[in-house]
């Protein structure tokens, strides 16, 4: 899998999970401690996040890290 493809899949997964919970980017940013623009950049595959940040995203979404990295059900 190419690096860019992985970033796109991850960004789409973040957005899908965020929207499932009816969270705006701003609301999600508050839950994670990140700035809203950073959330948007992740969702647009413009940022390559660290594993520590993946854990913060998962915690904010109240799911396990492995669920956040499962790309099989992305719409």
N, C-alpha and C. Protein backbone atom coordinates (compact mmCIF):
# COMPACT_ATOMS: atom_id res chain seq x y z
N UNK A 1 0.85 -1.17 0.00
CA UNK A 1 0.00 0.00 0.00
C UNK A 1 0.90 1.24 0.00
N UNK A 2 0.57 2.17 -0.84
CA UNK A 2 1.34 3.40 -0.91
C UNK A 2 1.05 4.28 0.30
N UNK A 3 2.03 5.07 0.66
CA UNK A 3 1.90 5.96 1.82
C UNK A 3 0.67 6.86 1.68
N UNK A 4 0.51 7.46 0.51
CA UNK A 4 -0.60 8.38 0.31
C UNK A 4 -1.95 7.67 0.45
N UNK A 5 -2.01 6.45 -0.05
CA UNK A 5 -3.26 5.68 0.05
C UNK A 5 -3.60 5.39 1.51
N UNK A 6 -2.61 5.07 2.30
CA UNK A 6 -2.83 4.80 3.71
C UNK A 6 -3.33 6.06 4.43
N UNK A 7 -2.76 7.21 4.10
CA UNK A 7 -3.20 8.46 4.72
C UNK A 7 -4.64 8.78 4.34
N UNK A 8 -4.99 8.50 3.10
CA UNK A 8 -6.37 8.74 2.64
C UNK A 8 -7.34 7.82 3.39
N UNK A 9 -6.98 6.54 3.50
CA UNK A 9 -7.84 5.60 4.22
C UNK A 9 -8.02 6.01 5.68
N UNK A 10 -6.92 6.42 6.31
CA UNK A 10 -7.00 6.82 7.72
C UNK A 10 -7.84 8.09 7.87
N UNK A 11 -7.62 9.05 7.01
CA UNK A 11 -8.40 10.29 7.06
C UNK A 11 -9.88 10.04 6.87
N UNK A 12 -10.21 9.16 5.93
CA UNK A 12 -11.62 8.82 5.70
C UNK A 12 -12.22 8.11 6.91
N UNK A 13 -11.42 7.26 7.55
CA UNK A 13 -11.91 6.54 8.74
C UNK A 13 -12.18 7.52 9.88
N UNK A 14 -11.27 8.45 10.10
CA UNK A 14 -11.48 9.46 11.14
C UNK A 14 -12.77 10.22 10.88
N UNK A 15 -12.93 10.67 9.65
CA UNK A 15 -14.13 11.46 9.30
C UNK A 15 -15.40 10.62 9.49
N UNK A 16 -15.36 9.37 9.02
CA UNK A 16 -16.53 8.49 9.15
C UNK A 16 -16.92 8.31 10.61
N UNK A 17 -15.94 8.01 11.45
CA UNK A 17 -16.22 7.78 12.87
C UNK A 17 -16.69 9.07 13.55
N UNK A 18 -16.10 10.19 13.17
CA UNK A 18 -16.50 11.48 13.74
C UNK A 18 -17.95 11.80 13.38
N UNK A 19 -18.29 11.60 12.11
CA UNK A 19 -19.65 11.90 11.66
C UNK A 19 -20.67 10.95 12.26
N UNK A 20 -20.28 9.68 12.47
CA UNK A 20 -21.17 8.71 13.13
C UNK A 20 -21.62 9.21 14.50
N UNK A 21 -20.75 9.98 15.12
CA UNK A 21 -21.02 10.49 16.47
C UNK A 21 -21.55 11.93 16.44
N UNK A 22 -21.89 12.39 15.24
CA UNK A 22 -22.42 13.75 15.05
C UNK A 22 -21.51 14.82 15.64
N UNK A 23 -20.21 14.65 15.45
CA UNK A 23 -19.25 15.62 15.95
C UNK A 23 -18.76 16.50 14.81
N UNK A 24 -18.71 17.78 15.03
CA UNK A 24 -18.07 18.68 14.07
C UNK A 24 -16.57 18.53 14.23
N UNK A 25 -15.82 19.06 13.28
CA UNK A 25 -14.37 19.04 13.42
C UNK A 25 -13.95 19.81 14.67
N UNK A 26 -14.65 20.88 14.95
CA UNK A 26 -14.33 21.69 16.14
C UNK A 26 -14.61 20.90 17.42
N UNK A 27 -15.74 20.22 17.49
CA UNK A 27 -16.06 19.39 18.66
C UNK A 27 -15.02 18.29 18.85
N UNK A 28 -14.67 17.65 17.74
CA UNK A 28 -13.69 16.57 17.80
C UNK A 28 -12.33 17.10 18.22
N UNK A 29 -11.99 18.27 17.73
CA UNK A 29 -10.71 18.89 18.11
C UNK A 29 -10.66 19.12 19.62
N UNK A 30 -11.75 19.58 20.19
CA UNK A 30 -11.79 19.80 21.64
C UNK A 30 -11.59 18.49 22.40
N UNK A 31 -12.19 17.41 21.91
CA UNK A 31 -12.06 16.12 22.58
C UNK A 31 -10.63 15.57 22.50
N UNK A 32 -9.95 15.86 21.40
CA UNK A 32 -8.60 15.32 21.20
C UNK A 32 -7.51 16.22 21.74
N UNK A 33 -7.81 17.51 21.89
CA UNK A 33 -6.79 18.47 22.29
C UNK A 33 -6.02 19.05 21.12
N UNK A 34 -6.45 18.73 19.90
CA UNK A 34 -5.81 19.27 18.70
C UNK A 34 -6.59 20.47 18.19
N UNK A 35 -5.99 21.21 17.28
CA UNK A 35 -6.66 22.34 16.65
C UNK A 35 -7.57 21.81 15.54
N UNK A 36 -8.65 22.52 15.28
CA UNK A 36 -9.60 22.11 14.24
C UNK A 36 -8.92 21.97 12.88
N UNK A 37 -7.97 22.85 12.57
CA UNK A 37 -7.32 22.76 11.27
C UNK A 37 -6.49 21.49 11.15
N UNK A 38 -5.94 21.02 12.25
CA UNK A 38 -5.18 19.76 12.23
C UNK A 38 -6.10 18.60 11.92
N UNK A 39 -7.29 18.60 12.52
CA UNK A 39 -8.27 17.54 12.25
C UNK A 39 -8.61 17.53 10.76
N UNK A 40 -8.85 18.70 10.19
CA UNK A 40 -9.16 18.79 8.77
C UNK A 40 -8.01 18.28 7.91
N UNK A 41 -6.79 18.61 8.29
CA UNK A 41 -5.63 18.16 7.52
C UNK A 41 -5.48 16.63 7.59
N UNK A 42 -5.77 16.05 8.73
CA UNK A 42 -5.73 14.59 8.86
C UNK A 42 -6.80 13.97 7.97
N UNK A 43 -8.00 14.51 8.01
CA UNK A 43 -9.10 13.97 7.21
C UNK A 43 -8.84 14.11 5.71
N UNK A 44 -8.10 15.13 5.31
CA UNK A 44 -7.77 15.33 3.90
C UNK A 44 -6.46 14.65 3.50
N UNK A 45 -5.90 13.85 4.40
CA UNK A 45 -4.66 13.10 4.16
C UNK A 45 -3.47 14.02 3.92
N UNK A 46 -3.48 15.17 4.56
CA UNK A 46 -2.38 16.12 4.43
C UNK A 46 -1.38 16.00 5.57
N UNK A 47 -1.70 15.20 6.59
CA UNK A 47 -0.82 15.00 7.74
C UNK A 47 -0.62 13.53 7.98
N UNK A 48 0.60 13.17 8.34
CA UNK A 48 0.94 11.81 8.71
C UNK A 48 1.04 11.78 10.23
N UNK A 49 0.04 11.24 10.89
CA UNK A 49 -0.03 11.31 12.35
C UNK A 49 0.86 10.25 13.00
N UNK A 50 1.23 10.52 14.24
CA UNK A 50 2.03 9.56 15.01
C UNK A 50 1.10 8.54 15.67
N UNK A 51 1.68 7.45 16.13
CA UNK A 51 0.89 6.45 16.84
C UNK A 51 0.27 7.02 18.11
N UNK A 52 0.97 7.92 18.76
CA UNK A 52 0.41 8.54 19.96
C UNK A 52 -0.84 9.35 19.62
N UNK A 53 -0.83 10.01 18.47
CA UNK A 53 -2.01 10.76 18.05
C UNK A 53 -3.15 9.83 17.63
N UNK A 54 -2.81 8.70 17.03
CA UNK A 54 -3.83 7.71 16.69
C UNK A 54 -4.54 7.26 17.96
N UNK A 55 -3.78 7.06 19.01
CA UNK A 55 -4.38 6.67 20.29
C UNK A 55 -5.30 7.77 20.83
N UNK A 56 -4.90 9.03 20.70
CA UNK A 56 -5.74 10.14 21.14
C UNK A 56 -7.05 10.18 20.35
N UNK A 57 -6.96 9.95 19.04
CA UNK A 57 -8.17 9.92 18.22
C UNK A 57 -9.08 8.79 18.67
N UNK A 58 -8.52 7.62 18.87
CA UNK A 58 -9.31 6.46 19.29
C UNK A 58 -9.98 6.72 20.64
N UNK A 59 -9.23 7.28 21.57
CA UNK A 59 -9.80 7.58 22.89
C UNK A 59 -10.95 8.57 22.78
N UNK A 60 -10.78 9.59 21.97
CA UNK A 60 -11.84 10.60 21.81
C UNK A 60 -13.09 9.99 21.18
N UNK A 61 -12.89 9.01 20.30
CA UNK A 61 -14.02 8.35 19.64
C UNK A 61 -14.55 7.18 20.47
N UNK A 62 -13.89 6.88 21.57
CA UNK A 62 -14.26 5.79 22.47
C UNK A 62 -14.26 4.44 21.75
N UNK A 63 -13.19 4.23 20.97
CA UNK A 63 -12.99 2.94 20.32
C UNK A 63 -11.54 2.52 20.53
N UNK A 64 -11.25 1.26 20.24
CA UNK A 64 -9.89 0.74 20.35
C UNK A 64 -9.07 1.18 19.14
N UNK A 65 -7.78 1.29 19.33
CA UNK A 65 -6.89 1.71 18.24
C UNK A 65 -7.04 0.79 17.03
N UNK A 66 -7.11 -0.51 17.26
CA UNK A 66 -7.22 -1.44 16.13
C UNK A 66 -8.49 -1.21 15.33
N UNK A 67 -9.56 -0.76 15.98
CA UNK A 67 -10.80 -0.45 15.25
C UNK A 67 -10.60 0.75 14.34
N UNK A 68 -9.83 1.71 14.80
CA UNK A 68 -9.56 2.91 14.02
C UNK A 68 -8.69 2.60 12.81
N UNK A 69 -7.90 1.55 12.92
CA UNK A 69 -7.01 1.17 11.82
C UNK A 69 -7.60 0.08 10.92
N UNK A 70 -8.85 -0.28 11.17
CA UNK A 70 -9.54 -1.25 10.32
C UNK A 70 -10.26 -0.48 9.21
N UNK A 71 -9.75 -0.61 8.00
CA UNK A 71 -10.28 0.17 6.87
C UNK A 71 -11.25 -0.62 6.00
N UNK A 72 -11.71 -1.77 6.45
CA UNK A 72 -12.55 -2.61 5.60
C UNK A 72 -13.97 -2.09 5.45
N UNK A 73 -14.43 -1.23 6.36
CA UNK A 73 -15.82 -0.77 6.29
C UNK A 73 -15.94 0.72 6.00
N UNK A 74 -14.96 1.27 5.32
CA UNK A 74 -15.02 2.70 4.98
C UNK A 74 -15.90 2.87 3.77
N UNK A 75 -16.80 3.83 3.87
CA UNK A 75 -17.72 4.11 2.76
C UNK A 75 -17.11 5.07 1.79
